[in-house]
């Protein structure tokens, strides 16, 4: 870098000024992180207030359903009776 480039680049700041700028940037970044954490805490609080709904057990994909998994339904009394009588 020649003298003309050095002059156009601006004055050289003392190290103490750079340290202060770095400290201000770090403080700003910490405030941003704190704000994000506060938002996440609010989201978690809202999720915690919602009841947990059971997830159906998936039987796998069916050709008739177009590849959409079907929920397994427990057999009815008649179906249980038919199964038992088949094996007797």
C-alpha atoms as a PDB file:
ATOM      1  CA  UNK A   1       0.000   0.000   0.000  1.00  0.00           C
ATOM      2  CA  UNK A   2       1.470   3.347  -0.991  1.00  0.00           C
ATOM      3  CA  UNK A   3       0.903   6.689   0.743  1.00  0.00           C
ATOM      4  CA  UNK A   4      -2.045   7.694  -1.467  1.00  0.00           C
ATOM      5  CA  UNK A   5      -3.878   4.430  -0.656  1.00  0.00           C
ATOM      6  CA  UNK A   6      -3.159   4.832   3.045  1.00  0.00           C
ATOM      7  CA  UNK A   7      -4.584   8.368   3.033  1.00  0.00           C
ATOM      8  CA  UNK A   8      -7.761   7.271   1.194  1.00  0.00           C
ATOM      9  CA  UNK A   9      -8.274   4.387   3.613  1.00  0.00           C
ATOM     10  CA  UNK A  10      -8.810   6.836   6.438  1.00  0.00           C
ATOM     11  CA  UNK A  11      -7.030   7.479   9.680  1.00  0.00           C
ATOM     12  CA  UNK A  12      -5.675   4.600  11.694  1.00  0.00           C
ATOM     13  CA  UNK A  13      -7.629   4.211  14.921  1.00  0.00           C
ATOM     14  CA  UNK A  14      -5.804   3.579  18.173  1.00  0.00           C
ATOM     15  CA  UNK A  15      -6.075   0.076  19.641  1.00  0.00           C
ATOM     16  CA  UNK A  16      -8.150   1.339  22.579  1.00  0.00           C
ATOM     17  CA  UNK A  17     -10.833   2.606  20.175  1.00  0.00           C
ATOM     18  CA  UNK A  18     -10.864  -0.744  18.385  1.00  0.00           C
ATOM     19  CA  UNK A  19     -11.220  -2.543  21.696  1.00  0.00           C
ATOM     20  CA  UNK A  20     -14.188  -0.369  22.584  1.00  0.00           C
ATOM     21  CA  UNK A  21     -15.802  -1.010  19.194  1.00  0.00           C
ATOM     22  CA  UNK A  22     -15.254  -4.750  19.621  1.00  0.00           C
ATOM     23  CA  UNK A  23     -16.811  -4.620  23.099  1.00  0.00           C
ATOM     24  CA  UNK A  24     -19.845  -2.746  21.757  1.00  0.00           C
ATOM     25  CA  UNK A  25     -20.277  -5.303  18.958  1.00  0.00           C
ATOM     26  CA  UNK A  26     -20.020  -8.159  21.441  1.00  0.00           C
ATOM     27  CA  UNK A  27     -22.592  -6.525  23.728  1.00  0.00           C
ATOM     28  CA  UNK A  28     -24.932  -6.001  20.781  1.00  0.00           C
ATOM     29  CA  UNK A  29     -24.546  -9.629  19.739  1.00  0.00           C
ATOM     30  CA  UNK A  30     -25.285 -10.774  23.292  1.00  0.00           C
ATOM     31  CA  UNK A  31     -28.437  -8.672  23.354  1.00  0.00           C
ATOM     32  CA  UNK A  32     -29.539 -10.255  20.066  1.00  0.00           C
ATOM     33  CA  UNK A  33     -28.951 -13.749  21.455  1.00  0.00           C
ATOM     34  CA  UNK A  34     -30.820 -12.864  24.649  1.00  0.00           C
ATOM     35  CA  UNK A  35     -33.786 -11.637  22.603  1.00  0.00           C
ATOM     36  CA  UNK A  36     -33.795 -14.863  20.581  1.00  0.00           C
ATOM     37  CA  UNK A  37     -33.668 -16.947  23.763  1.00  0.00           C
ATOM     38  CA  UNK A  38     -36.578 -14.979  25.209  1.00  0.00           C
ATOM     39  CA  UNK A  39     -38.579 -15.707  22.047  1.00  0.00           C
ATOM     40  CA  UNK A  40     -37.756 -19.396  22.292  1.00  0.00           C
ATOM     41  CA  UNK A  41     -38.799 -19.420  25.943  1.00  0.00           C
ATOM     42  CA  UNK A  42     -42.173 -17.943  24.976  1.00  0.00           C
ATOM     43  CA  UNK A  43     -42.592 -20.584  22.260  1.00  0.00           C
ATOM     44  CA  UNK A  44     -41.767 -23.362  24.733  1.00  0.00           C
ATOM     45  CA  UNK A  45     -44.205 -21.933  27.262  1.00  0.00           C
ATOM     46  CA  UNK A  46     -46.959 -21.937  24.622  1.00  0.00           C
ATOM     47  CA  UNK A  47     -46.131 -25.517  23.629  1.00  0.00           C
ATOM     48  CA  UNK A  48     -46.123 -26.643  27.257  1.00  0.00           C
ATOM     49  CA  UNK A  49     -49.641 -25.259  27.700  1.00  0.00           C
ATOM     50  CA  UNK A  50     -51.003 -27.429  24.867  1.00  0.00           C
ATOM     51  CA  UNK A  51     -52.194 -30.948  25.709  1.00  0.00           C
ATOM     52  CA  UNK A  52     -50.241 -33.839  24.244  1.00  0.00           C
ATOM     53  CA  UNK A  53     -52.351 -35.687  21.709  1.00  0.00           C
ATOM     54  CA  UNK A  54     -51.727 -39.389  21.096  1.00  0.00           C
ATOM     55  CA  UNK A  55     -50.166 -40.318  17.775  1.00  0.00           C
ATOM     56  CA  UNK A  56     -51.914 -43.160  15.927  1.00  0.00           C
ATOM     57  CA  UNK A  57     -49.928 -46.320  15.238  1.00  0.00           C
ATOM     58  CA  UNK A  58     -49.207 -46.633  11.524  1.00  0.00           C
ATOM     59  CA  UNK A  59     -49.875 -49.951   9.792  1.00  0.00           C
ATOM     60  CA  UNK A  60     -47.853 -48.986   6.745  1.00  0.00           C
ATOM     61  CA  UNK A  61     -48.796 -47.819   3.309  1.00  0.00           C
ATOM     62  CA  UNK A  62     -51.727 -49.217   1.401  1.00  0.00           C
ATOM     63  CA  UNK A  63     -52.174 -49.189  -2.371  1.00  0.00           C
ATOM     64  CA  UNK A  64     -55.857 -48.333  -1.926  1.00  0.00           C
ATOM     65  CA  UNK A  65     -55.014 -45.252   0.107  1.00  0.00           C
ATOM     66  CA  UNK A  66     -52.623 -43.950  -2.530  1.00  0.00           C
ATOM     67  CA  UNK A  67     -49.574 -44.642  -0.377  1.00  0.00           C
ATOM     68  CA  UNK A  68     -50.913 -42.773   2.648  1.00  0.00           C
ATOM     69  CA  UNK A  69     -50.345 -44.709   5.892  1.00  0.00           C
ATOM     70  CA  UNK A  70     -53.531 -45.917   7.554  1.00  0.00           C
ATOM     71  CA  UNK A  71     -54.053 -45.795  11.302  1.00  0.00           C
ATOM     72  CA  UNK A  72     -54.484 -49.171  12.990  1.00  0.00           C
ATOM     73  CA  UNK A  73     -57.870 -49.508  14.609  1.00  0.00           C
ATOM     74  CA  UNK A  74     -58.438 -52.004  17.409  1.00  0.00           C
ATOM     75  CA  UNK A  75     -60.686 -54.874  16.365  1.00  0.00           C
ATOM     76  CA  UNK A  76     -64.345 -54.760  17.364  1.00  0.00           C
ATOM     77  CA  UNK A  77     -65.981 -57.452  19.493  1.00  0.00           C
ATOM     78  CA  UNK A  78     -67.466 -59.242  16.487  1.00  0.00           C
ATOM     79  CA  UNK A  79     -64.110 -59.347  14.716  1.00  0.00           C
ATOM     80  CA  UNK A  80     -62.436 -60.751  17.834  1.00  0.00           C
ATOM     81  CA  UNK A  81     -65.160 -63.397  18.141  1.00  0.00           C
ATOM     82  CA  UNK A  82     -64.718 -64.353  14.451  1.00  0.00           C
ATOM     83  CA  UNK A  83     -60.950 -64.669  14.844  1.00  0.00           C
ATOM     84  CA  UNK A  84     -61.287 -66.858  17.927  1.00  0.00           C
ATOM     85  CA  UNK A  85     -63.886 -69.097  16.307  1.00  0.00           C
ATOM     86  CA  UNK A  86     -61.662 -69.557  13.217  1.00  0.00           C
ATOM     87  CA  UNK A  87     -58.849 -70.941  15.349  1.00  0.00           C
ATOM     88  CA  UNK A  88     -61.089 -73.251  17.434  1.00  0.00           C
END
